[in-house]
N, C-alpha and C. Protein backbone atom coordinates (compact mmCIF):
# COMPACT_ATOMS: atom_id res chain seq x y z
N MET A 1 194.62 131.33 56.34
CA MET A 1 196.08 131.79 57.28
C MET A 1 197.13 131.13 57.60
N ILE A 2 198.08 131.64 57.41
CA ILE A 2 198.98 130.45 58.31
C ILE A 2 199.32 131.07 59.87
N ALA A 3 199.28 130.08 60.56
CA ALA A 3 198.82 130.19 62.20
C ALA A 3 200.64 130.05 62.44
N THR A 4 201.25 131.34 63.16
CA THR A 4 202.35 132.00 64.06
C THR A 4 202.75 130.61 65.07
N HIS A 5 203.56 130.17 65.43
CA HIS A 5 204.16 129.68 66.11
C HIS A 5 203.71 129.79 67.56
N PRO A 6 203.10 129.38 69.18
CA PRO A 6 202.68 130.30 69.90
C PRO A 6 204.48 130.39 70.71
N ASN A 7 205.32 130.25 70.05
CA ASN A 7 206.60 131.00 71.29
C ASN A 7 206.59 132.07 70.38
N VAL A 8 206.55 132.09 69.10
CA VAL A 8 206.93 133.44 68.47
C VAL A 8 205.84 134.33 68.84
N GLU A 9 204.71 134.45 68.82
CA GLU A 9 203.43 135.04 69.55
C GLU A 9 204.26 135.54 71.17
N MET A 10 204.50 134.68 71.92
CA MET A 10 205.21 134.83 73.06
C MET A 10 206.09 135.90 73.03
N LEU A 11 207.27 135.69 71.72
CA LEU A 11 208.35 137.15 71.78
C LEU A 11 207.71 138.44 71.64
N ARG A 12 206.60 138.31 70.57
CA ARG A 12 206.15 139.72 70.39
C ARG A 12 205.79 139.81 71.51
N HIS A 13 204.83 139.10 72.60
CA HIS A 13 204.34 140.14 74.04
C HIS A 13 205.07 140.17 74.30
N LEU A 14 206.49 139.80 75.18
CA LEU A 14 207.56 139.99 75.51
C LEU A 14 207.95 141.27 75.61
N ASP A 15 208.42 141.80 73.64
CA ASP A 15 208.93 143.15 73.49
C ASP A 15 207.52 143.87 73.70
N GLU A 16 206.41 143.51 73.27
CA GLU A 16 205.36 144.66 73.60
C GLU A 16 205.30 145.13 75.16
N ALA A 17 205.67 144.11 76.30
CA ALA A 17 205.62 144.57 77.31
C ALA A 17 206.74 145.38 77.71
N MET A 18 207.94 145.16 77.33
CA MET A 18 208.61 145.96 77.53
C MET A 18 208.83 147.10 76.72
N ALA A 19 208.19 147.21 75.54
CA ALA A 19 208.13 148.72 74.91
C ALA A 19 206.92 149.80 75.73
N LYS A 20 206.43 148.97 76.48
CA LYS A 20 204.82 149.31 77.19
C LYS A 20 205.06 150.19 78.88
N GLY A 21 206.55 149.07 79.20
CA GLY A 21 207.22 149.21 80.54
C GLY A 21 206.94 148.67 81.75
N ASP A 22 205.76 147.32 80.97
CA ASP A 22 204.82 146.55 81.82
C ASP A 22 206.20 145.24 82.14
N MET A 23 206.85 145.74 83.15
CA MET A 23 207.68 144.91 84.00
C MET A 23 206.99 143.60 84.29
N GLU A 24 206.28 143.85 84.79
CA GLU A 24 205.28 142.21 85.98
C GLU A 24 205.35 141.55 84.38
N THR A 25 204.70 142.31 83.57
CA THR A 25 204.52 140.65 82.33
C THR A 25 205.66 140.63 82.00
N TYR A 26 206.42 141.53 81.22
CA TYR A 26 207.91 141.12 81.31
C TYR A 26 208.74 140.01 82.05
N PHE A 27 208.81 140.20 83.09
CA PHE A 27 209.62 139.46 83.89
C PHE A 27 209.17 138.08 84.19
N GLY A 28 207.34 138.18 84.00
CA GLY A 28 206.19 136.98 84.49
C GLY A 28 206.89 136.17 82.86
N LEU A 29 207.44 136.49 82.15
CA LEU A 29 207.49 135.40 81.12
C LEU A 29 208.94 134.59 80.89
N HIS A 30 209.50 134.63 82.12
CA HIS A 30 210.84 134.15 82.16
C HIS A 30 210.52 132.95 83.20
N THR A 31 210.69 131.54 83.21
CA THR A 31 210.95 130.90 84.66
C THR A 31 211.20 131.38 85.82
N ASP A 32 211.04 131.06 86.85
CA ASP A 32 211.57 131.22 88.37
C ASP A 32 213.19 130.90 87.69
N ASP A 33 213.50 129.83 87.64
CA ASP A 33 214.95 129.42 87.67
C ASP A 33 215.78 129.91 86.32
N VAL A 34 214.93 130.77 85.37
CA VAL A 34 215.81 131.32 84.37
C VAL A 34 217.49 131.93 84.15
N VAL A 35 218.04 131.29 83.26
CA VAL A 35 219.86 131.56 83.16
C VAL A 35 219.96 132.68 81.99
N ILE A 36 220.25 133.47 82.38
CA ILE A 36 221.08 134.68 81.50
C ILE A 36 222.24 134.68 81.37
N HIS A 37 222.74 135.35 80.13
CA HIS A 37 224.35 135.17 79.41
C HIS A 37 225.01 136.14 78.90
N VAL A 38 225.57 137.11 79.41
CA VAL A 38 225.55 138.03 79.02
C VAL A 38 227.34 138.15 78.64
N GLY A 39 227.86 137.98 77.18
CA GLY A 39 229.27 137.79 77.10
C GLY A 39 229.89 139.77 77.15
N GLY A 40 231.16 139.51 76.58
CA GLY A 40 232.01 140.69 76.61
C GLY A 40 232.99 140.44 77.32
N THR A 41 233.41 142.00 77.32
CA THR A 41 234.12 142.51 78.42
C THR A 41 233.40 143.50 79.67
N SER A 42 232.51 144.12 79.67
CA SER A 42 231.73 144.90 80.19
C SER A 42 231.57 144.93 81.83
N ARG A 43 231.34 145.26 82.23
CA ARG A 43 231.03 144.97 84.06
C ARG A 43 229.75 144.45 83.69
N LEU A 44 228.48 144.09 82.75
CA LEU A 44 227.53 143.37 82.68
C LEU A 44 228.17 142.04 82.41
N ARG A 45 228.81 141.59 81.83
CA ARG A 45 229.42 140.28 81.42
C ARG A 45 228.98 139.00 82.59
N GLY A 46 228.91 138.45 82.64
CA GLY A 46 228.59 137.42 83.19
C GLY A 46 227.14 136.45 82.83
N ASP A 47 226.97 135.57 83.82
CA ASP A 47 225.53 134.12 83.92
C ASP A 47 225.18 134.92 85.25
N TYR A 48 223.69 134.96 85.01
CA TYR A 48 222.99 135.40 86.16
C TYR A 48 221.77 134.36 86.01
N HIS A 49 221.44 133.66 87.23
CA HIS A 49 220.78 132.86 87.90
C HIS A 49 219.23 133.23 88.33
N GLY A 50 218.46 132.84 87.95
CA GLY A 50 216.72 132.89 88.78
C GLY A 50 216.47 134.50 88.20
N ASN A 51 215.33 134.81 88.29
CA ASN A 51 214.11 135.83 87.85
C ASN A 51 214.22 136.96 88.78
N ALA A 52 215.27 137.41 89.91
CA ALA A 52 215.81 137.92 91.17
C ALA A 52 216.80 138.51 90.02
N GLU A 53 218.02 137.95 89.50
CA GLU A 53 219.05 138.22 88.76
C GLU A 53 218.54 138.43 87.65
N LEU A 54 217.85 138.31 86.94
CA LEU A 54 217.11 138.84 85.89
C LEU A 54 217.34 140.40 85.93
N GLN A 55 216.37 140.29 87.14
CA GLN A 55 215.80 141.30 87.25
C GLN A 55 216.58 142.91 87.71
N ALA A 56 217.86 142.22 88.44
CA ALA A 56 219.34 143.37 88.77
C ALA A 56 219.57 143.37 87.49
N VAL A 57 220.37 142.49 86.81
CA VAL A 57 220.48 142.91 84.92
C VAL A 57 220.09 143.67 84.48
N PHE A 58 219.16 143.21 84.10
CA PHE A 58 218.16 144.10 83.10
C PHE A 58 218.47 145.78 83.78
N GLY A 59 218.06 145.66 85.43
CA GLY A 59 218.05 147.01 85.27
C GLY A 59 219.66 147.83 85.71
N ARG A 60 220.90 147.10 85.81
CA ARG A 60 222.05 147.72 85.50
C ARG A 60 222.22 147.93 83.57
N PHE A 61 221.79 147.06 82.94
CA PHE A 61 221.62 146.75 81.76
C PHE A 61 221.41 148.62 81.41
N MET A 62 219.91 148.91 81.50
CA MET A 62 219.11 150.01 80.83
C MET A 62 220.14 151.25 81.62
N GLU A 63 220.94 150.93 82.98
CA GLU A 63 221.40 152.02 83.37
C GLU A 63 222.72 152.25 82.28
N ALA A 64 223.08 151.57 81.92
CA ALA A 64 223.99 151.98 81.63
C ALA A 64 223.75 151.38 79.75
N ALA A 65 222.60 151.56 79.36
CA ALA A 65 222.12 151.89 77.85
C ALA A 65 222.11 153.53 77.65
N GLY A 66 221.84 154.12 79.14
CA GLY A 66 220.71 155.32 79.03
C GLY A 66 219.68 154.82 78.29
N GLU A 67 219.07 155.74 77.37
CA GLU A 67 217.61 155.48 76.80
C GLU A 67 218.18 154.55 75.60
N TYR A 68 217.30 153.54 76.13
CA TYR A 68 217.32 152.31 75.10
C TYR A 68 216.03 152.50 74.00
N SER A 69 216.15 151.98 72.99
CA SER A 69 214.87 151.11 71.97
C SER A 69 215.90 150.49 71.05
N PHE A 70 214.23 149.94 70.32
CA PHE A 70 214.84 148.82 69.84
C PHE A 70 213.93 148.39 68.69
N GLU A 71 214.39 148.03 66.80
CA GLU A 71 213.50 147.90 66.24
C GLU A 71 213.24 146.72 65.72
N THR A 72 212.51 145.56 66.25
CA THR A 72 212.59 143.92 65.31
C THR A 72 212.22 143.94 64.26
N HIS A 73 213.58 142.61 63.72
CA HIS A 73 213.33 142.77 62.39
C HIS A 73 212.35 141.49 62.53
N ALA A 74 212.63 140.79 63.08
CA ALA A 74 212.36 139.39 63.05
C ALA A 74 212.11 138.58 64.66
N TYR A 75 211.11 137.00 64.44
CA TYR A 75 211.47 136.46 65.67
C TYR A 75 210.87 135.33 64.71
N LEU A 76 212.50 134.42 65.14
CA LEU A 76 211.77 132.50 64.77
C LEU A 76 212.02 131.94 66.21
N ALA A 77 210.85 131.06 65.66
CA ALA A 77 210.50 130.20 66.96
C ALA A 77 210.05 128.71 66.91
N ASP A 78 210.49 127.99 67.48
CA ASP A 78 209.71 126.18 67.59
C ASP A 78 209.45 126.02 69.03
N ASP A 79 209.20 124.81 69.19
CA ASP A 79 209.06 124.29 70.49
C ASP A 79 210.27 124.73 71.61
N GLU A 80 211.27 124.42 71.17
CA GLU A 80 212.64 124.72 72.23
C GLU A 80 213.28 125.78 72.05
N HIS A 81 213.46 126.57 70.45
CA HIS A 81 214.17 127.62 70.57
C HIS A 81 213.64 128.83 70.05
N GLY A 82 214.11 129.97 70.09
CA GLY A 82 213.90 131.43 69.87
C GLY A 82 214.98 132.13 69.56
N VAL A 83 214.74 132.30 68.14
CA VAL A 83 215.61 133.90 68.29
C VAL A 83 214.87 135.04 67.90
N VAL A 84 215.31 136.87 68.79
CA VAL A 84 214.68 138.23 68.18
C VAL A 84 216.08 138.50 67.64
N MET A 85 215.76 138.90 66.56
CA MET A 85 216.79 139.87 65.56
C MET A 85 216.21 140.85 65.71
N GLN A 86 216.87 142.21 66.00
CA GLN A 86 216.47 143.76 66.09
C GLN A 86 218.07 144.56 65.99
N ARG A 87 217.61 145.68 66.14
CA ARG A 87 218.09 147.02 66.04
C ARG A 87 218.15 147.77 67.25
N GLY A 88 219.11 147.28 68.05
CA GLY A 88 219.51 148.07 69.62
C GLY A 88 219.66 149.76 69.37
N THR A 89 218.75 151.24 69.99
CA THR A 89 219.72 151.84 70.02
C THR A 89 219.92 152.67 71.56
N MET A 90 221.22 152.76 71.49
CA MET A 90 221.11 153.31 72.97
C MET A 90 221.87 155.12 73.05
N GLN A 91 220.84 155.34 73.54
CA GLN A 91 221.21 157.08 74.06
C GLN A 91 221.60 158.32 75.26
N ARG A 92 223.13 158.52 75.02
CA ARG A 92 222.54 159.46 76.63
C ARG A 92 223.69 160.81 75.73
N ASP A 93 223.72 162.06 76.49
CA ASP A 93 224.75 162.97 77.13
C ASP A 93 224.55 163.01 75.30
N GLY A 94 224.19 163.23 74.39
CA GLY A 94 223.81 163.91 73.68
C GLY A 94 224.54 163.00 72.39
N ARG A 95 224.63 161.65 72.76
CA ARG A 95 225.21 160.60 71.88
C ARG A 95 224.46 159.55 71.55
N THR A 96 224.75 158.74 70.24
CA THR A 96 223.86 157.42 70.35
C THR A 96 224.83 156.57 69.43
N PHE A 97 224.24 155.60 69.97
CA PHE A 97 224.91 154.26 69.44
C PHE A 97 224.10 152.76 69.07
N SER A 98 224.14 152.46 68.01
CA SER A 98 223.24 151.11 67.79
C SER A 98 224.21 149.95 67.08
N THR A 99 223.57 148.86 67.35
CA THR A 99 223.79 147.67 66.68
C THR A 99 222.79 146.93 66.71
N ASP A 100 223.13 145.93 65.65
CA ASP A 100 222.43 144.54 65.70
C ASP A 100 222.24 143.66 66.27
N GLU A 101 221.14 143.63 67.23
CA GLU A 101 221.05 142.66 68.25
C GLU A 101 220.74 141.50 68.12
N LEU A 102 221.02 139.74 69.06
CA LEU A 102 220.03 138.79 68.87
C LEU A 102 219.90 138.45 70.06
N PHE A 103 219.32 137.50 70.11
CA PHE A 103 219.02 137.20 71.78
C PHE A 103 218.14 135.66 71.29
N VAL A 104 219.53 134.74 71.54
CA VAL A 104 219.32 133.60 71.41
C VAL A 104 218.28 132.59 72.63
N ILE A 105 217.14 132.37 72.15
CA ILE A 105 216.33 131.33 73.80
C ILE A 105 215.54 130.43 73.80
N HIS A 106 216.16 129.44 75.26
CA HIS A 106 215.79 128.27 75.47
C HIS A 106 213.95 128.33 75.74
N PHE A 107 212.80 127.29 75.98
CA PHE A 107 212.03 127.46 76.11
C PHE A 107 211.52 126.38 77.05
N ARG A 108 210.58 126.61 78.05
CA ARG A 108 210.53 125.77 78.69
C ARG A 108 208.82 125.96 79.19
N ASP A 109 207.88 125.14 78.84
CA ASP A 109 206.62 125.56 79.71
C ASP A 109 205.95 126.98 79.31
N GLY A 110 206.33 127.15 78.35
CA GLY A 110 205.68 128.04 77.80
C GLY A 110 206.47 129.56 77.97
N ARG A 111 207.58 129.67 78.45
CA ARG A 111 208.18 130.91 79.37
C ARG A 111 209.90 130.56 78.99
N ILE A 112 210.71 131.55 78.87
CA ILE A 112 211.73 131.59 78.46
C ILE A 112 212.31 131.07 79.42
N SER A 113 213.51 129.93 79.36
CA SER A 113 214.49 129.38 80.31
C SER A 113 215.48 129.91 80.32
N GLU A 114 216.05 129.99 79.08
CA GLU A 114 217.51 130.46 78.94
C GLU A 114 217.41 131.49 78.14
N MET A 115 218.73 132.56 78.41
CA MET A 115 218.58 134.05 76.78
C MET A 115 219.89 134.14 76.87
N TRP A 116 220.72 134.08 75.45
CA TRP A 116 222.00 134.88 75.46
C TRP A 116 221.58 135.80 74.80
N TYR A 117 222.62 137.43 75.60
CA TYR A 117 222.58 138.84 74.87
C TYR A 117 223.51 139.03 74.23
N VAL A 118 223.67 138.46 72.64
CA VAL A 118 224.59 138.55 71.35
C VAL A 118 224.56 139.90 71.00
N PRO A 119 225.14 141.22 70.79
CA PRO A 119 225.35 142.41 69.69
C PRO A 119 226.18 141.68 69.04
N LEU A 120 225.95 142.14 67.37
CA LEU A 120 226.73 141.60 66.72
C LEU A 120 227.98 142.75 66.71
N ASP A 121 228.33 144.26 67.45
CA ASP A 121 229.07 144.76 67.45
C ASP A 121 229.53 144.76 68.95
N GLN A 122 229.65 143.71 69.66
CA GLN A 122 230.48 143.35 70.87
C GLN A 122 231.13 144.58 71.27
N ALA A 123 231.94 144.76 71.04
CA ALA A 123 233.15 145.72 71.28
C ALA A 123 232.75 147.32 70.98
N GLY A 124 231.90 147.90 70.61
CA GLY A 124 230.97 148.73 71.14
C GLY A 124 230.16 148.83 72.02
N VAL A 125 229.23 147.98 72.08
CA VAL A 125 228.45 147.51 73.31
C VAL A 125 228.86 147.58 74.51
N ASP A 126 230.00 146.59 74.68
CA ASP A 126 231.13 146.85 76.09
C ASP A 126 231.47 148.79 75.98
N ALA A 127 231.65 148.86 74.85
CA ALA A 127 232.82 150.29 75.00
C ALA A 127 231.64 151.19 75.68
N TRP A 128 230.28 151.38 75.30
CA TRP A 128 229.09 152.13 75.62
C TRP A 128 229.32 151.90 77.03
N PHE A 129 228.79 150.95 77.25
CA PHE A 129 228.62 150.51 78.94
C PHE A 129 230.10 150.81 79.85
N GLU A 130 230.87 150.92 79.22
CA GLU A 130 232.27 150.94 80.35
C GLU A 130 232.41 152.55 80.36
N ASN A 131 231.81 153.41 79.79
CA ASN A 131 232.04 155.08 79.33
C ASN A 131 230.62 155.42 79.57
N ARG A 132 230.21 155.66 80.52
CA ARG A 132 228.77 156.29 80.88
C ARG A 132 229.09 157.69 81.15
């Protein structure tokens, strides 16, 4: 049997925690000084520093997204870097928006130290976030 990299397993654990609503585990898998990058033109764009800012932007993301779900296509990781490829779906007021998404990740000491949210349809995500 081929063993998977521990950081692949950590990314699976991260998604499982999010899917179950176990936010203590989810946020605990990030370093205290984590840096989060959100691109685009929406009110969520920016760089966020530290676990408290991660929690704040995560809450703003979920509020702007509406009902958010995802289907993961692949986890890729080595000692320092990781990528999660998934299809994210947002729903509210009878409307649905879906896009493929990448989460590009740096690891330090077995936790996420930096992450970029990269939707393939950035303009669509920006419009969704601004038209709630």
